[in-house]
Amino acid sequence: MKTFLDRFMRDQTGATAVEYALICALISIVLISAYSALTPKIAAVFEKVGNAVPQSDG
């Protein structure tokens, strides 16, 4: 039993998967926050450009 616990404590094969999952989660949080913060500003820019372009009747 002791050898199993020793081997289990030294095994780090799953550590990289957990680290990648945490990095992906943090990147997702940053992207969602940026999207939420920038959406109104981007919409305002498109509205301003749309109002500046002359409308054609044909």
PDB file of N, CA and C in Angstrom:
ATOM      1  N   MET A   1       0.820  -1.192   0.000  1.00  0.00           N
ATOM      2  CA  MET A   1       0.000   0.000   0.000  1.00  0.00           C
ATOM      3  C   MET A   1       0.865   1.258   0.000  1.00  0.00           C
ATOM      4  N   LYS A   2       1.966   1.208   0.716  1.00  0.00           N
ATOM      5  CA  LYS A   2       2.847   2.370   0.774  1.00  0.00           C
ATOM      6  C   LYS A   2       3.445   2.684  -0.599  1.00  0.00           C
ATOM      7  N   THR A   3       3.802   1.649  -1.344  1.00  0.00           N
ATOM      8  CA  THR A   3       4.372   1.898  -2.670  1.00  0.00           C
ATOM      9  C   THR A   3       3.329   2.508  -3.601  1.00  0.00           C
ATOM     10  N   PHE A   4       2.085   2.103  -3.462  1.00  0.00           N
ATOM     11  CA  PHE A   4       1.017   2.687  -4.277  1.00  0.00           C
ATOM     12  C   PHE A   4       0.863   4.166  -3.970  1.00  0.00           C
ATOM     13  N   LEU A   5       0.859   4.521  -2.684  1.00  0.00           N
ATOM     14  CA  LEU A   5       0.726   5.928  -2.298  1.00  0.00           C
ATOM     15  C   LEU A   5       1.929   6.743  -2.745  1.00  0.00           C
ATOM     16  N   ASP A   6       3.105   6.189  -2.623  1.00  0.00           N
ATOM     17  CA  ASP A   6       4.304   6.896  -3.079  1.00  0.00           C
ATOM     18  C   ASP A   6       4.242   7.151  -4.583  1.00  0.00           C
ATOM     19  N   ARG A   7       3.869   6.116  -5.326  1.00  0.00           N
ATOM     20  CA  ARG A   7       3.777   6.249  -6.776  1.00  0.00           C
ATOM     21  C   ARG A   7       2.675   7.248  -7.156  1.00  0.00           C
ATOM     22  N   PHE A   8       1.557   7.217  -6.436  1.00  0.00           N
ATOM     23  CA  PHE A   8       0.445   8.131  -6.695  1.00  0.00           C
ATOM     24  C   PHE A   8       0.853   9.574  -6.435  1.00  0.00           C
ATOM     25  N   MET A   9       1.591   9.820  -5.388  1.00  0.00           N
ATOM     26  CA  MET A   9       2.015  11.179  -5.041  1.00  0.00           C
ATOM     27  C   MET A   9       3.035  11.735  -6.036  1.00  0.00           C
ATOM     28  N   ARG A  10       3.841  10.866  -6.653  1.00  0.00           N
ATOM     29  CA  ARG A  10       4.841  11.308  -7.616  1.00  0.00           C
ATOM     30  C   ARG A  10       4.288  11.443  -9.032  1.00  0.00           C
ATOM     31  N   ASP A  11       3.150  10.839  -9.297  1.00  0.00           N
ATOM     32  CA  ASP A  11       2.579  10.849 -10.638  1.00  0.00           C
ATOM     33  C   ASP A  11       2.001  12.224 -10.955  1.00  0.00           C
ATOM     34  N   GLN A  12       2.481  12.852 -12.033  1.00  0.00           N
ATOM     35  CA  GLN A  12       2.021  14.182 -12.415  1.00  0.00           C
ATOM     36  C   GLN A  12       1.461  14.197 -13.835  1.00  0.00           C
ATOM     37  N   THR A  13       1.005  13.074 -14.332  1.00  0.00           N
ATOM     38  CA  THR A  13       0.524  13.024 -15.710  1.00  0.00           C
ATOM     39  C   THR A  13      -0.753  13.823 -15.906  1.00  0.00           C
ATOM     40  N   GLY A  14      -1.606  13.913 -14.910  1.00  0.00           N
ATOM     41  CA  GLY A  14      -2.849  14.657 -15.050  1.00  0.00           C
ATOM     42  C   GLY A  14      -2.705  16.135 -14.736  1.00  0.00           C
ATOM     43  N   ALA A  15      -1.573  16.543 -14.221  1.00  0.00           N
ATOM     44  CA  ALA A  15      -1.389  17.936 -13.816  1.00  0.00           C
ATOM     45  C   ALA A  15      -1.463  18.890 -14.996  1.00  0.00           C
ATOM     46  N   THR A  16      -0.907  18.509 -16.123  1.00  0.00           N
ATOM     47  CA  THR A  16      -0.924  19.421 -17.262  1.00  0.00           C
ATOM     48  C   THR A  16      -2.335  19.611 -17.789  1.00  0.00           C
ATOM     49  N   ALA A  17      -3.162  18.577 -17.758  1.00  0.00           N
ATOM     50  CA  ALA A  17      -4.540  18.716 -18.221  1.00  0.00           C
ATOM     51  C   ALA A  17      -5.303  19.702 -17.338  1.00  0.00           C
ATOM     52  N   VAL A  18      -5.078  19.622 -16.043  1.00  0.00           N
ATOM     53  CA  VAL A  18      -5.741  20.547 -15.126  1.00  0.00           C
ATOM     54  C   VAL A  18      -5.251  21.968 -15.368  1.00  0.00           C
ATOM     55  N   GLU A  19      -3.971  22.134 -15.588  1.00  0.00           N
ATOM     56  CA  GLU A  19      -3.423  23.466 -15.843  1.00  0.00           C
ATOM     57  C   GLU A  19      -3.989  24.052 -17.135  1.00  0.00           C
ATOM     58  N   TYR A  20      -4.066  23.240 -18.181  1.00  0.00           N
ATOM     59  CA  TYR A  20      -4.646  23.722 -19.438  1.00  0.00           C
ATOM     60  C   TYR A  20      -6.116  24.086 -19.253  1.00  0.00           C
ATOM     61  N   ALA A  21      -6.844  23.327 -18.477  1.00  0.00           N
ATOM     62  CA  ALA A  21      -8.256  23.639 -18.225  1.00  0.00           C
ATOM     63  C   ALA A  21      -8.397  24.965 -17.484  1.00  0.00           C
ATOM     64  N   LEU A  22      -7.533  25.209 -16.525  1.00  0.00           N
ATOM     65  CA  LEU A  22      -7.577  26.484 -15.805  1.00  0.00           C
ATOM     66  C   LEU A  22      -7.222  27.656 -16.704  1.00  0.00           C
ATOM     67  N   ILE A  23      -6.237  27.480 -17.567  1.00  0.00           N
ATOM     68  CA  ILE A  23      -5.856  28.539 -18.502  1.00  0.00           C
ATOM     69  C   ILE A  23      -7.013  28.832 -19.457  1.00  0.00           C
ATOM     70  N   CYS A  24      -7.660  27.791 -19.971  1.00  0.00           N
ATOM     71  CA  CYS A  24      -8.809  27.983 -20.871  1.00  0.00           C
ATOM     72  C   CYS A  24      -9.949  28.697 -20.162  1.00  0.00           C
ATOM     73  N   ALA A  25     -10.184  28.348 -18.911  1.00  0.00           N
ATOM     74  CA  ALA A  25     -11.248  29.002 -18.153  1.00  0.00           C
ATOM     75  C   ALA A  25     -10.940  30.481 -17.948  1.00  0.00           C
ATOM     76  N   LEU A  26      -9.709  30.807 -17.624  1.00  0.00           N
ATOM     77  CA  LEU A  26      -9.336  32.212 -17.429  1.00  0.00           C
ATOM     78  C   LEU A  26      -9.424  33.003 -18.728  1.00  0.00           C
ATOM     79  N   ILE A  27      -8.987  32.410 -19.826  1.00  0.00           N
ATOM     80  CA  ILE A  27      -9.084  33.088 -21.122  1.00  0.00           C
ATOM     81  C   ILE A  27     -10.543  33.316 -21.484  1.00  0.00           C
ATOM     82  N   SER A  28     -11.394  32.340 -21.219  1.00  0.00           N
ATOM     83  CA  SER A  28     -12.822  32.486 -21.503  1.00  0.00           C
ATOM     84  C   SER A  28     -13.432  33.620 -20.689  1.00  0.00           C
ATOM     85  N   ILE A  29     -13.069  33.710 -19.427  1.00  0.00           N
ATOM     86  CA  ILE A  29     -13.591  34.786 -18.578  1.00  0.00           C
ATOM     87  C   ILE A  29     -13.155  36.146 -19.107  1.00  0.00           C
ATOM     88  N   VAL A  30     -11.904  36.260 -19.520  1.00  0.00           N
ATOM     89  CA  VAL A  30     -11.401  37.528 -20.057  1.00  0.00           C
ATOM     90  C   VAL A  30     -12.123  37.891 -21.352  1.00  0.00           C
ATOM     91  N   LEU A  31     -12.311  36.921 -22.245  1.00  0.00           N
ATOM     92  CA  LEU A  31     -12.989  37.204 -23.506  1.00  0.00           C
ATOM     93  C   LEU A  31     -14.447  37.595 -23.297  1.00  0.00           C
ATOM     94  N   ILE A  32     -15.131  36.922 -22.418  1.00  0.00           N
ATOM     95  CA  ILE A  32     -16.531  37.263 -22.145  1.00  0.00           C
ATOM     96  C   ILE A  32     -16.634  38.651 -21.517  1.00  0.00           C
ATOM     97  N   SER A  33     -15.729  38.969 -20.628  1.00  0.00           N
ATOM     98  CA  SER A  33     -15.727  40.302 -20.010  1.00  0.00           C
ATOM     99  C   SER A  33     -15.456  41.387 -21.039  1.00  0.00           C
ATOM    100  N   ALA A  34     -14.497  41.159 -21.906  1.00  0.00           N
ATOM    101  CA  ALA A  34     -14.174  42.137 -22.941  1.00  0.00           C
ATOM    102  C   ALA A  34     -15.341  42.306 -23.908  1.00  0.00           C
ATOM    103  N   TYR A  35     -15.975  41.202 -24.283  1.00  0.00           N
ATOM    104  CA  TYR A  35     -17.122  41.269 -25.187  1.00  0.00           C
ATOM    105  C   TYR A  35     -18.254  42.068 -24.556  1.00  0.00           C
ATOM    106  N   SER A  36     -18.522  41.815 -23.287  1.00  0.00           N
ATOM    107  CA  SER A  36     -19.591  42.526 -22.586  1.00  0.00           C
ATOM    108  C   SER A  36     -19.293  44.018 -22.474  1.00  0.00           C
ATOM    109  N   ALA A  37     -18.051  44.342 -22.248  1.00  0.00           N
ATOM    110  CA  ALA A  37     -17.680  45.745 -22.083  1.00  0.00           C
ATOM    111  C   ALA A  37     -17.646  46.499 -23.408  1.00  0.00           C
ATOM    112  N   LEU A  38     -17.257  45.830 -24.486  1.00  0.00           N
ATOM    113  CA  LEU A  38     -17.074  46.526 -25.763  1.00  0.00           C
ATOM    114  C   LEU A  38     -18.298  46.513 -26.669  1.00  0.00           C
ATOM    115  N   THR A  39     -19.269  45.675 -26.420  1.00  0.00           N
ATOM    116  CA  THR A  39     -20.428  45.566 -27.307  1.00  0.00           C
ATOM    117  C   THR A  39     -21.161  46.892 -27.491  1.00  0.00           C
ATOM    118  N   PRO A  40     -21.492  47.633 -26.442  1.00  0.00           N
ATOM    119  CA  PRO A  40     -22.183  48.909 -26.658  1.00  0.00           C
ATOM    120  C   PRO A  40     -21.347  49.923 -27.452  1.00  0.00           C
ATOM    121  N   LYS A  41     -20.055  49.937 -27.219  1.00  0.00           N
ATOM    122  CA  LYS A  41     -19.191  50.883 -27.932  1.00  0.00           C
ATOM    123  C   LYS A  41     -19.104  50.538 -29.419  1.00  0.00           C
ATOM    124  N   ILE A  42     -18.988  49.253 -29.723  1.00  0.00           N
ATOM    125  CA  ILE A  42     -18.921  48.828 -31.122  1.00  0.00           C
ATOM    126  C   ILE A  42     -20.242  49.116 -31.822  1.00  0.00           C
ATOM    127  N   ALA A  43     -21.358  48.879 -31.147  1.00  0.00           N
ATOM    128  CA  ALA A  43     -22.670  49.169 -31.718  1.00  0.00           C
ATOM    129  C   ALA A  43     -22.817  50.655 -32.001  1.00  0.00           C
ATOM    130  N   ALA A  44     -22.306  51.491 -31.126  1.00  0.00           N
ATOM    131  CA  ALA A  44     -22.369  52.940 -31.326  1.00  0.00           C
ATOM    132  C   ALA A  44     -21.548  53.360 -32.542  1.00  0.00           C
ATOM    133  N   VAL A  45     -20.395  52.742 -32.733  1.00  0.00           N
ATOM    134  CA  VAL A  45     -19.558  53.071 -33.896  1.00  0.00           C
ATOM    135  C   VAL A  45     -20.273  52.685 -35.189  1.00  0.00           C
ATOM    136  N   PHE A  46     -20.873  51.499 -35.224  1.00  0.00           N
ATOM    137  CA  PHE A  46     -21.584  51.079 -36.430  1.00  0.00           C
ATOM    138  C   PHE A  46     -22.799  51.965 -36.694  1.00  0.00           C
ATOM    139  N   GLU A  47     -23.476  52.387 -35.648  1.00  0.00           N
ATOM    140  CA  GLU A  47     -24.619  53.284 -35.832  1.00  0.00           C
ATOM    141  C   GLU A  47     -24.175  54.633 -36.375  1.00  0.00           C
ATOM    142  N   LYS A  48     -23.061  55.134 -35.864  1.00  0.00           N
ATOM    143  CA  LYS A  48     -22.531  56.424 -36.334  1.00  0.00           C
ATOM    144  C   LYS A  48     -22.134  56.336 -37.800  1.00  0.00           C
ATOM    145  N   VAL A  49     -21.475  55.258 -38.178  1.00  0.00           N
ATOM    146  CA  VAL A  49     -21.073  55.059 -39.572  1.00  0.00           C
ATOM    147  C   VAL A  49     -22.312  54.897 -40.448  1.00  0.00           C
ATOM    148  N   GLY A  50     -23.297  54.148 -39.979  1.00  0.00           N
ATOM    149  CA  GLY A  50     -24.517  53.950 -40.743  1.00  0.00           C
ATOM    150  C   GLY A  50     -25.277  55.237 -40.965  1.00  0.00           C
ATOM    151  N   ASN A  51     -25.256  56.122 -39.985  1.00  0.00           N
ATOM    152  CA  ASN A  51     -25.927  57.415 -40.128  1.00  0.00           C
ATOM    153  C   ASN A  51     -25.147  58.350 -41.042  1.00  0.00           C
ATOM    154  N   ALA A  52     -23.843  58.182 -41.138  1.00  0.00           N
ATOM    155  CA  ALA A  52     -23.016  59.056 -41.965  1.00  0.00           C
ATOM    156  C   ALA A  52     -23.063  58.681 -43.443  1.00  0.00           C
ATOM    157  N   VAL A  53     -23.391  57.445 -43.747  1.00  0.00           N
ATOM    158  CA  VAL A  53     -23.440  56.990 -45.141  1.00  0.00           C
ATOM    159  C   VAL A  53     -24.770  57.438 -45.740  1.00  0.00           C
ATOM    160  N   PRO A  54     -24.704  58.085 -46.903  1.00  0.00           N
ATOM    161  CA  PRO A  54     -25.958  58.523 -47.512  1.00  0.00           C
ATOM    162  C   PRO A  54     -26.816  57.340 -47.979  1.00  0.00           C
ATOM    163  N   GLN A  55     -28.115  57.478 -47.800  1.00  0.00           N
ATOM    164  CA  GLN A  55     -29.041  56.415 -48.199  1.00  0.00           C
ATOM    165  C   GLN A  55     -29.357  56.553 -49.676  1.00  0.00           C
ATOM    166  N   SER A  56     -29.439  55.437 -50.375  1.00  0.00           N
ATOM    167  CA  SER A  56     -29.814  55.461 -51.793  1.00  0.00           C
ATOM    168  C   SER A  56     -31.271  55.031 -51.900  1.00  0.00           C
ATOM    169  N   ASP A  57     -31.991  55.601 -52.843  1.00  0.00           N
ATOM    170  CA  ASP A  57     -33.413  55.282 -53.023  1.00  0.00           C
ATOM    171  C   ASP A  57     -33.586  54.128 -54.000  1.00  0.00           C
ATOM    172  N   GLY A  58     -32.579  53.665 -54.607  1.00  0.00           N
ATOM    173  CA  GLY A  58     -32.751  52.662 -55.636  1.00  0.00           C
ATOM    174  C   GLY A  58     -32.098  51.423 -55.309  1.00  0.00           C
TER     175      GLY A  58
END
